[in-house]
Amino acid sequence: ESYTVSIADSGEKALSLFEKYGARLVLLDISLPEM
């Protein structure tokens, strides 16, 4: 659909990617390792 995408497989990695690069929308699972 022409969206650019990043993928994180943990809460910590998600926050790190969001802090560095940002995102226009977050698609978020609840059951993640650690956080």
Full PDB file with SEQRES, HELIX, SHEET, SSBOND, CRYST1, ORIGX, SCALE, CONECT and MASTER records, all heavy atoms in Angstrom:
SEQRES   1 A   35  GLU SER TYR THR VAL SER ILE ALA ASP SER GLY GLU LYS          
SEQRES   2 A   35  ALA LEU SER LEU PHE GLU LYS TYR GLY ALA ARG LEU VAL          
SEQRES   3 A   35  LEU LEU ASP ILE SER LEU PRO GLU MET                          
HELIX    1 AA1 GLY A   11  TYR A   21  1                                  11    
CRYST1    1.000    1.000    1.000  90.00  90.00  90.00 P 1           1          
ORIGX1      1.000000  0.000000  0.000000        0.00000                         
ORIGX2      0.000000  1.000000  0.000000        0.00000                         
ORIGX3      0.000000  0.000000  1.000000        0.00000                         
SCALE1      1.000000  0.000000  0.000000        0.00000                         
SCALE2      0.000000  1.000000  0.000000        0.00000                         
SCALE3      0.000000  0.000000  1.000000        0.00000                         
ATOM      1  N   GLU A   1       0.825  -1.214   0.000  1.00  0.00           N  
ATOM      2  CA  GLU A   1       0.000   0.000   0.000  1.00  0.00           C  
ATOM      3  C   GLU A   1       0.864   1.271   0.000  1.00  0.00           C  
ATOM      4  O   GLU A   1       0.355   2.366   0.246  1.00  0.00           O  
ATOM      5  CB  GLU A   1      -0.919   0.001   1.222  1.00  0.00           C  
ATOM      6  CG  GLU A   1      -1.930  -1.132   1.250  1.00  0.00           C  
ATOM      7  CD  GLU A   1      -2.957  -1.020   0.153  1.00  0.00           C  
ATOM      8  OE1 GLU A   1      -3.399   0.117  -0.126  1.00  0.00           O  
ATOM      9  OE2 GLU A   1      -3.301  -2.064  -0.448  1.00  0.00           O  
ATOM     10  N   SER A   2       2.171   1.079  -0.216  1.00  0.00           N  
ATOM     11  CA  SER A   2       3.146   2.186  -0.316  1.00  0.00           C  
ATOM     12  C   SER A   2       3.494   2.820   1.023  1.00  0.00           C  
ATOM     13  O   SER A   2       4.003   3.952   1.055  1.00  0.00           O  
ATOM     14  CB  SER A   2       2.648   3.268  -1.292  1.00  0.00           C  
ATOM     15  OG  SER A   2       2.486   2.721  -2.590  1.00  0.00           O  
ATOM     16  N   TYR A   3       3.262   2.127   2.128  1.00  0.00           N  
ATOM     17  CA  TYR A   3       3.694   2.609   3.432  1.00  0.00           C  
ATOM     18  C   TYR A   3       5.141   2.170   3.677  1.00  0.00           C  
ATOM     19  O   TYR A   3       5.534   1.066   3.293  1.00  0.00           O  
ATOM     20  CB  TYR A   3       2.824   2.049   4.561  1.00  0.00           C  
ATOM     21  CG  TYR A   3       1.382   2.493   4.533  1.00  0.00           C  
ATOM     22  CD1 TYR A   3       0.356   1.561   4.384  1.00  0.00           C  
ATOM     23  CD2 TYR A   3       1.045   3.833   4.676  1.00  0.00           C  
ATOM     24  CE1 TYR A   3      -0.976   1.954   4.372  1.00  0.00           C  
ATOM     25  CE2 TYR A   3      -0.280   4.234   4.661  1.00  0.00           C  
ATOM     26  CZ  TYR A   3      -1.293   3.296   4.507  1.00  0.00           C  
ATOM     27  OH  TYR A   3      -2.602   3.698   4.492  1.00  0.00           O  
ATOM     28  N   THR A   4       5.915   3.023   4.340  1.00  0.00           N  
ATOM     29  CA  THR A   4       7.231   2.604   4.811  1.00  0.00           C  
ATOM     30  C   THR A   4       7.058   1.969   6.185  1.00  0.00           C  
ATOM     31  O   THR A   4       6.215   2.402   6.978  1.00  0.00           O  
ATOM     32  CB  THR A   4       8.199   3.790   4.901  1.00  0.00           C  
ATOM     33  OG1 THR A   4       7.645   4.810   5.740  1.00  0.00           O  
ATOM     34  CG2 THR A   4       8.470   4.365   3.516  1.00  0.00           C  
ATOM     35  N   VAL A   5       7.866   0.944   6.467  1.00  0.00           N  
ATOM     36  CA  VAL A   5       7.634   0.111   7.650  1.00  0.00           C  
ATOM     37  C   VAL A   5       8.941  -0.191   8.377  1.00  0.00           C  
ATOM     38  O   VAL A   5       9.979  -0.424   7.750  1.00  0.00           O  
ATOM     39  CB  VAL A   5       6.979  -1.234   7.251  1.00  0.00           C  
ATOM     40  CG1 VAL A   5       6.781  -2.133   8.475  1.00  0.00           C  
ATOM     41  CG2 VAL A   5       5.641  -0.986   6.553  1.00  0.00           C  
ATOM     42  N   SER A   6       8.876  -0.182   9.714  1.00  0.00           N  
ATOM     43  CA  SER A   6       9.940  -0.720  10.559  1.00  0.00           C  
ATOM     44  C   SER A   6       9.328  -1.797  11.435  1.00  0.00           C  
ATOM     45  O   SER A   6       8.131  -1.747  11.745  1.00  0.00           O  
ATOM     46  CB  SER A   6      10.561   0.363  11.447  1.00  0.00           C  
ATOM     47  OG  SER A   6      11.371   1.224  10.696  1.00  0.00           O  
ATOM     48  N   ILE A   7      10.142  -2.763  11.856  1.00  0.00           N  
ATOM     49  CA  ILE A   7       9.649  -3.873  12.672  1.00  0.00           C  
ATOM     50  C   ILE A   7      10.491  -3.994  13.935  1.00  0.00           C  
ATOM     51  O   ILE A   7      11.723  -3.942  13.885  1.00  0.00           O  
ATOM     52  CB  ILE A   7       9.702  -5.205  11.897  1.00  0.00           C  
ATOM     53  CG1 ILE A   7       8.824  -5.135  10.648  1.00  0.00           C  
ATOM     54  CG2 ILE A   7       9.267  -6.367  12.784  1.00  0.00           C  
ATOM     55  CD1 ILE A   7       8.943  -6.363   9.746  1.00  0.00           C  
ATOM     56  N   ALA A   8       9.812  -4.160  15.065  1.00  0.00           N  
ATOM     57  CA  ALA A   8      10.475  -4.418  16.338  1.00  0.00           C  
ATOM     58  C   ALA A   8       9.858  -5.664  16.948  1.00  0.00           C  
ATOM     59  O   ALA A   8       8.633  -5.815  16.960  1.00  0.00           O  
ATOM     60  CB  ALA A   8      10.307  -3.234  17.287  1.00  0.00           C  
ATOM     61  N   ASP A   9      10.714  -6.564  17.469  1.00  0.00           N  
ATOM     62  CA  ASP A   9      10.191  -7.800  18.050  1.00  0.00           C  
ATOM     63  C   ASP A   9      10.184  -7.792  19.577  1.00  0.00           C  
ATOM     64  O   ASP A   9       9.967  -8.811  20.217  1.00  0.00           O  
ATOM     65  CB  ASP A   9      10.979  -9.019  17.538  1.00  0.00           C  
ATOM     66  CG  ASP A   9      12.469  -8.927  17.840  1.00  0.00           C  
ATOM     67  OD1 ASP A   9      12.878  -7.998  18.571  1.00  0.00           O  
ATOM     68  OD2 ASP A   9      13.226  -9.779  17.337  1.00  0.00           O  
ATOM     69  N   SER A  10      10.415  -6.623  20.162  1.00  0.00           N  
ATOM     70  CA  SER A  10      10.341  -6.478  21.617  1.00  0.00           C  
ATOM     71  C   SER A  10       9.962  -5.046  21.964  1.00  0.00           C  
ATOM     72  O   SER A  10      10.126  -4.130  21.142  1.00  0.00           O  
ATOM     73  CB  SER A  10      11.682  -6.817  22.273  1.00  0.00           C  
ATOM     74  OG  SER A  10      12.647  -5.817  21.992  1.00  0.00           O  
ATOM     75  N   GLY A  11       9.480  -4.845  23.193  1.00  0.00           N  
ATOM     76  CA  GLY A  11       9.112  -3.507  23.621  1.00  0.00           C  
ATOM     77  C   GLY A  11      10.305  -2.570  23.673  1.00  0.00           C  
ATOM     78  O   GLY A  11      10.220  -1.406  23.269  1.00  0.00           O  
ATOM     79  N   GLU A  12      11.442  -3.073  24.166  1.00  0.00           N  
ATOM     80  CA  GLU A  12      12.635  -2.241  24.264  1.00  0.00           C  
ATOM     81  C   GLU A  12      13.106  -1.778  22.887  1.00  0.00           C  
ATOM     82  O   GLU A  12      13.456  -0.617  22.688  1.00  0.00           O  
ATOM     83  CB  GLU A  12      13.760  -3.012  24.967  1.00  0.00           C  
ATOM     84  CG  GLU A  12      13.524  -3.269  26.438  1.00  0.00           C  
ATOM     85  CD  GLU A  12      12.677  -4.510  26.682  1.00  0.00           C  
ATOM     86  OE1 GLU A  12      12.156  -5.090  25.696  1.00  0.00           O  
ATOM     87  OE2 GLU A  12      12.519  -4.887  27.855  1.00  0.00           O  
ATOM     88  N   LYS A  13      13.111  -2.702  21.928  1.00  0.00           N  
ATOM     89  CA  LYS A  13      13.534  -2.335  20.574  1.00  0.00           C  
ATOM     90  C   LYS A  13      12.551  -1.350  19.952  1.00  0.00           C  
ATOM     91  O   LYS A  13      12.956  -0.415  19.250  1.00  0.00           O  
ATOM     92  CB  LYS A  13      13.642  -3.584  19.706  1.00  0.00           C  
ATOM     93  CG  LYS A  13      14.197  -3.302  18.312  1.00  0.00           C  
ATOM     94  CD  LYS A  13      14.401  -4.578  17.509  1.00  0.00           C  
ATOM     95  CE  LYS A  13      14.949  -4.295  16.126  1.00  0.00           C  
ATOM     96  NZ  LYS A  13      15.132  -5.544  15.339  1.00  0.00           N  
ATOM     97  N   ALA A  14      11.267  -1.532  20.235  1.00  0.00           N  
ATOM     98  CA  ALA A  14      10.253  -0.618  19.698  1.00  0.00           C  
ATOM     99  C   ALA A  14      10.486   0.802  20.188  1.00  0.00           C  
ATOM    100  O   ALA A  14      10.451   1.764  19.407  1.00  0.00           O  
ATOM    101  CB  ALA A  14       8.857  -1.092  20.095  1.00  0.00           C  
ATOM    102  N   LEU A  15      10.739   0.942  21.492  1.00  0.00           N  
ATOM    103  CA  LEU A  15      10.962   2.277  22.048  1.00  0.00           C  
ATOM    104  C   LEU A  15      12.238   2.897  21.501  1.00  0.00           C  
ATOM    105  O   LEU A  15      12.292   4.101  21.255  1.00  0.00           O  
ATOM    106  CB  LEU A  15      11.013   2.203  23.570  1.00  0.00           C  
ATOM    107  CG  LEU A  15       9.688   1.850  24.260  1.00  0.00           C  
ATOM    108  CD1 LEU A  15       9.895   1.652  25.752  1.00  0.00           C  
ATOM    109  CD2 LEU A  15       8.641   2.931  24.008  1.00  0.00           C  
ATOM    110  N   SER A  16      13.262   2.072  21.301  1.00  0.00           N  
ATOM    111  CA  SER A  16      14.516   2.578  20.747  1.00  0.00           C  
ATOM    112  C   SER A  16      14.319   3.081  19.315  1.00  0.00           C  
ATOM    113  O   SER A  16      14.774   4.173  18.959  1.00  0.00           O  
ATOM    114  CB  SER A  16      15.573   1.473  20.772  1.00  0.00           C  
ATOM    115  OG  SER A  16      16.779   1.920  20.170  1.00  0.00           O  
ATOM    116  N   LEU A  17      13.605   2.300  18.494  1.00  0.00           N  
ATOM    117  CA  LEU A  17      13.343   2.717  17.119  1.00  0.00           C  
ATOM    118  C   LEU A  17      12.476   3.968  17.072  1.00  0.00           C  
ATOM    119  O   LEU A  17      12.707   4.880  16.267  1.00  0.00           O  
ATOM    120  CB  LEU A  17      12.675   1.581  16.343  1.00  0.00           C  
ATOM    121  CG  LEU A  17      13.548   0.382  15.977  1.00  0.00           C  
ATOM    122  CD1 LEU A  17      12.700  -0.727  15.356  1.00  0.00           C  
ATOM    123  CD2 LEU A  17      14.649   0.798  15.012  1.00  0.00           C  
ATOM    124  N   PHE A  18      11.471   4.009  17.944  1.00  0.00           N  
ATOM    125  CA  PHE A  18      10.577   5.166  17.965  1.00  0.00           C  
ATOM    126  C   PHE A  18      11.332   6.417  18.385  1.00  0.00           C  
ATOM    127  O   PHE A  18      11.129   7.495  17.817  1.00  0.00           O  
ATOM    128  CB  PHE A  18       9.409   4.918  18.912  1.00  0.00           C  
ATOM    129  CG  PHE A  18       8.362   5.986  18.866  1.00  0.00           C  
ATOM    130  CD1 PHE A  18       7.372   5.960  17.891  1.00  0.00           C  
ATOM    131  CD2 PHE A  18       8.363   7.028  19.768  1.00  0.00           C  
ATOM    132  CE1 PHE A  18       6.415   6.963  17.816  1.00  0.00           C  
ATOM    133  CE2 PHE A  18       7.402   8.032  19.712  1.00  0.00           C  
ATOM    134  CZ  PHE A  18       6.435   7.996  18.732  1.00  0.00           C  
ATOM    135  N   GLU A  19      12.212   6.273  19.386  1.00  0.00           N  
ATOM    136  CA  GLU A  19      12.990   7.413  19.871  1.00  0.00           C  
ATOM    137  C   GLU A  19      13.910   7.948  18.779  1.00  0.00           C  
ATOM    138  O   GLU A  19      14.063   9.159  18.612  1.00  0.00           O  
ATOM    139  CB  GLU A  19      13.829   6.971  21.073  1.00  0.00           C  
ATOM    140  CG  GLU A  19      14.695   8.053  21.678  1.00  0.00           C  
ATOM    141  CD  GLU A  19      13.955   8.988  22.619  1.00  0.00           C  
ATOM    142  OE1 GLU A  19      12.770   8.740  22.907  1.00  0.00           O  
ATOM    143  OE2 GLU A  19      14.569   9.983  23.051  1.00  0.00           O  
ATOM    144  N   LYS A  20      14.519   7.047  18.021  1.00  0.00           N  
ATOM    145  CA  LYS A  20      15.487   7.464  17.004  1.00  0.00           C  
ATOM    146  C   LYS A  20      14.832   7.975  15.733  1.00  0.00           C  
ATOM    147  O   LYS A  20      15.244   8.987  15.163  1.00  0.00           O  
ATOM    148  CB  LYS A  20      16.408   6.292  16.652  1.00  0.00           C  
ATOM    149  CG  LYS A  20      17.403   5.943  17.742  1.00  0.00           C  
ATOM    150  CD  LYS A  20      18.292   4.776  17.310  1.00  0.00           C  
ATOM    151  CE  LYS A  20      19.307   4.430  18.376  1.00  0.00           C  
ATOM    152  NZ  LYS A  20      20.164   3.286  17.978  1.00  0.00           N  
ATOM    153  N   TYR A  21      13.808   7.255  15.261  1.00  0.00           N  
ATOM    154  CA  TYR A  21      13.291   7.545  13.927  1.00  0.00           C  
ATOM    155  C   TYR A  21      11.845   8.035  13.890  1.00  0.00           C  
ATOM    156  O   TYR A  21      11.430   8.645  12.912  1.00  0.00           O  
ATOM    157  CB  TYR A  21      13.404   6.283  13.046  1.00  0.00           C  
ATOM    158  CG  TYR A  21      14.795   5.727  12.987  1.00  0.00           C  
ATOM    159  CD1 TYR A  21      15.095   4.483  13.522  1.00  0.00           C  
ATOM    160  CD2 TYR A  21      15.832   6.461  12.409  1.00  0.00           C  
ATOM    161  CE1 TYR A  21      16.384   3.965  13.475  1.00  0.00           C  
ATOM    162  CE2 TYR A  21      17.124   5.961  12.358  1.00  0.00           C  
ATOM    163  CZ  TYR A  21      17.393   4.708  12.896  1.00  0.00           C  
ATOM    164  OH  TYR A  21      18.661   4.213  12.848  1.00  0.00           O  
ATOM    165  N   GLY A  22      11.069   7.732  14.942  1.00  0.00           N  
ATOM    166  CA  GLY A  22       9.674   8.124  14.937  1.00  0.00           C  
ATOM    167  C   GLY A  22       8.832   7.249  14.024  1.00  0.00           C  
ATOM    168  O   GLY A  22       9.339   6.392  13.303  1.00  0.00           O  
ATOM    169  N   ALA A  23       7.535   7.461  14.061  1.00  0.00           N  
ATOM    170  CA  ALA A  23       6.601   6.731  13.203  1.00  0.00           C  
ATOM    171  C   ALA A  23       5.301   7.512  13.155  1.00  0.00           C  
ATOM    172  O   ALA A  23       4.930   8.171  14.132  1.00  0.00           O  
ATOM    173  CB  ALA A  23       6.346   5.315  13.736  1.00  0.00           C  
ATOM    174  N   ARG A  24       4.615   7.432  12.049  1.00  0.00           N  
ATOM    175  CA  ARG A  24       3.317   8.097  11.938  1.00  0.00           C  
ATOM    176  C   ARG A  24       2.216   7.281  12.594  1.00  0.00           C  
ATOM    177  O   ARG A  24       1.160   7.810  12.940  1.00  0.00           O  
ATOM    178  CB  ARG A  24       2.986   8.339  10.461  1.00  0.00           C  
ATOM    179  CG  ARG A  24       3.926   9.315   9.764  1.00  0.00           C  
ATOM    180  CD  ARG A  24       3.608   9.409   8.281  1.00  0.00           C  
ATOM    181  NE  ARG A  24       2.261   9.875   8.057  1.00  0.00           N  
ATOM    182  CZ  ARG A  24       1.495   9.516   7.028  1.00  0.00           C  
ATOM    183  NH1 ARG A  24       1.958   8.631   6.153  1.00  0.00           N  
ATOM    184  NH2 ARG A  24       0.277   9.994   6.886  1.00  0.00           N  
ATOM    185  N   LEU A  25       2.447   5.973  12.771  1.00  0.00           N  
ATOM    186  CA  LEU A  25       1.465   5.102  13.420  1.00  0.00           C  
ATOM    187  C   LEU A  25       2.206   3.884  13.972  1.00  0.00           C  
ATOM    188  O   LEU A  25       3.169   3.406  13.358  1.00  0.00           O  
ATOM    189  CB  LEU A  25       0.380   4.654  12.434  1.00  0.00           C  
ATOM    190  CG  LEU A  25      -0.757   3.790  12.982  1.00  0.00           C  
ATOM    191  CD1 LEU A  25      -2.092   4.159  12.300  1.00  0.00           C  
ATOM    192  CD2 LEU A  25      -0.481   2.304  12.744  1.00  0.00           C  
ATOM    193  N   VAL A  26       1.757   3.394  15.141  1.00  0.00           N  
ATOM    194  CA  VAL A  26       2.351   2.203  15.754  1.00  0.00           C  
ATOM    195  C   VAL A  26       1.315   1.096  15.793  1.00  0.00           C  
ATOM    196  O   VAL A  26       0.197   1.294  16.292  1.00  0.00           O  
ATOM    197  CB  VAL A  26       2.857   2.494  17.182  1.00  0.00           C  
ATOM    198  CG1 VAL A  26       3.423   1.224  17.816  1.00  0.00           C  
ATOM    199  CG2 VAL A  26       3.906   3.601  17.162  1.00  0.00           C  
ATOM    200  N   LEU A  27       1.671  -0.066  15.246  1.00  0.00           N  
ATOM    201  CA  LEU A  27       0.833  -1.264  15.276  1.00  0.00           C  
ATOM    202  C   LEU A  27       1.443  -2.172  16.341  1.00  0.00           C  
ATOM    203  O   LEU A  27       2.539  -2.699  16.164  1.00  0.00           O  
ATOM    204  CB  LEU A  27       0.845  -1.925  13.905  1.00  0.00           C  
ATOM    205  CG  LEU A  27      -0.259  -2.925  13.555  1.00  0.00           C  
ATOM    206  CD1 LEU A  27      -1.635  -2.304  13.721  1.00  0.00           C  
ATOM    207  CD2 LEU A  27      -0.068  -3.414  12.127  1.00  0.00           C  
ATOM    208  N   LEU A  28       0.730  -2.355  17.457  1.00  0.00           N  
ATOM    209  CA  LEU A  28       1.349  -2.856  18.682  1.00  0.00           C  
ATOM    210  C   LEU A  28       0.684  -4.112  19.238  1.00  0.00           C  
ATOM    211  O   LEU A  28      -0.520  -4.119  19.513  1.00  0.00           O  
ATOM    212  CB  LEU A  28       1.291  -1.736  19.739  1.00  0.00           C  
ATOM    213  CG  LEU A  28       1.800  -2.016  21.143  1.00  0.00           C  
ATOM    214  CD1 LEU A  28       3.295  -2.317  21.135  1.00  0.00           C  
ATOM    215  CD2 LEU A  28       1.501  -0.809  22.041  1.00  0.00           C  
ATOM    216  N   ASP A  29       1.470  -5.166  19.422  1.00  0.00           N  
ATOM    217  CA  ASP A  29       1.010  -6.366  20.111  1.00  0.00           C  
ATOM    218  C   ASP A  29       1.132  -6.138  21.617  1.00  0.00           C  
ATOM    219  O   ASP A  29       1.932  -5.306  22.064  1.00  0.00           O  
ATOM    220  CB  ASP A  29       1.850  -7.577  19.685  1.00  0.00           C  
ATOM    221  CG  ASP A  29       1.294  -8.898  20.203  1.00  0.00           C  
ATOM    222  OD1 ASP A  29       0.120  -8.933  20.614  1.00  0.00           O  
ATOM    223  OD2 ASP A  29       2.043  -9.900  20.194  1.00  0.00           O  
ATOM    224  N   ILE A  30       0.343  -6.850  22.413  1.00  0.00           N  
ATOM    225  CA  ILE A  30       0.436  -6.743  23.872  1.00  0.00           C  
ATOM    226  C   ILE A  30       1.443  -7.738  24.431  1.00  0.00           C  
ATOM    227  O   ILE A  30       2.293  -7.395  25.253  1.00  0.00           O  
ATOM    228  CB  ILE A  30      -0.935  -6.971  24.540  1.00  0.00           C  
ATOM    229  CG1 ILE A  30      -1.895  -5.841  24.182  1.00  0.00           C  
ATOM    230  CG2 ILE A  30      -0.777  -7.038  26.060  1.00  0.00           C  
ATOM    231  CD1 ILE A  30      -3.288  -6.039  24.722  1.00  0.00           C  
ATOM    232  N   SER A  31       1.357  -8.982  23.994  1.00  0.00           N  
ATOM    233  CA  SER A  31       2.197 -10.046  24.556  1.00  0.00           C  
ATOM    234  C   SER A  31       3.582 -10.008  23.925  1.00  0.00           C  
ATOM    235  O   SER A  31       3.835 -10.609  22.881  1.00  0.00           O  
ATOM    236  CB  SER A  31       1.534 -11.404  24.318  1.00  0.00           C  
ATOM    237  OG  SER A  31       0.267 -11.450  24.948  1.00  0.00           O  
ATOM    238  N   LEU A  32       4.478  -9.282  24.569  1.00  0.00           N  
ATOM    239  CA  LEU A  32       5.847  -9.126  24.093  1.00  0.00           C  
ATOM    240  C   LEU A  32       6.817  -9.592  25.177  1.00  0.00           C  
ATOM    241  O   LEU A  32       6.477  -9.570  26.361  1.00  0.00           O  
ATOM    242  CB  LEU A  32       6.132  -7.648  23.764  1.00  0.00           C  
ATOM    243  CG  LEU A  32       5.275  -7.004  22.679  1.00  0.00           C  
ATOM    244  CD1 LEU A  32       5.472  -5.494  22.688  1.00  0.00           C  
ATOM    245  CD2 LEU A  32       5.632  -7.589  21.312  1.00  0.00           C  
ATOM    246  N   PRO A  33       8.014 -10.001  24.804  1.00  0.00           N  
ATOM    247  CA  PRO A  33       8.984 -10.407  25.818  1.00  0.00           C  
ATOM    248  C   PRO A  33       9.446  -9.233  26.677  1.00  0.00           C  
ATOM    249  O   PRO A  33       9.632  -8.126  26.170  1.00  0.00           O  
ATOM    250  CB  PRO A  33      10.141 -10.971  24.980  1.00  0.00           C  
ATOM    251  CG  PRO A  33       9.981 -10.369  23.627  1.00  0.00           C  
ATOM    252  CD  PRO A  33       8.514 -10.173  23.431  1.00  0.00           C  
ATOM    253  N   GLU A  34       9.593  -9.471  27.965  1.00  0.00           N  
ATOM    254  CA  GLU A  34      10.120  -8.509  28.939  1.00  0.00           C  
ATOM    255  C   GLU A  34       9.175  -7.327  29.183  1.00  0.00           C  
ATOM    256  O   GLU A  34       8.569  -7.226  30.232  1.00  0.00           O  
ATOM    257  CB  GLU A  34      11.509  -8.034  28.518  1.00  0.00           C  
ATOM    258  CG  GLU A  34      12.531  -9.172  28.450  1.00  0.00           C  
ATOM    259  CD  GLU A  34      13.901  -8.689  28.030  1.00  0.00           C  
ATOM    260  OE1 GLU A  34      14.183  -7.486  28.129  1.00  0.00           O  
ATOM    261  OE2 GLU A  34      14.692  -9.543  27.595  1.00  0.00           O  
ATOM    262  N   MET A  35       9.020  -6.427  28.249  1.00  0.00           N  
ATOM    263  CA  MET A  35       8.119  -5.274  28.403  1.00  0.00           C  
ATOM    264  C   MET A  35       6.877  -5.495  27.549  1.00  0.00           C  
ATOM    265  O   MET A  35       6.967  -5.641  26.341  1.00  0.00           O  
ATOM    266  CB  MET A  35       8.817  -3.983  27.973  1.00  0.00           C  
ATOM    267  CG  MET A  35       7.934  -2.739  28.085  1.00  0.00           C  
ATOM    268  SD  MET A  35       8.737  -1.258  27.383  1.00  0.00           S  
ATOM    269  CE  MET A  35      10.122  -1.063  28.497  1.00  0.00           C  
TER     270      MET A  35                                                      
MASTER        0    0    0    1    0    0    0    6  269    1    0    3          
END                                                                             
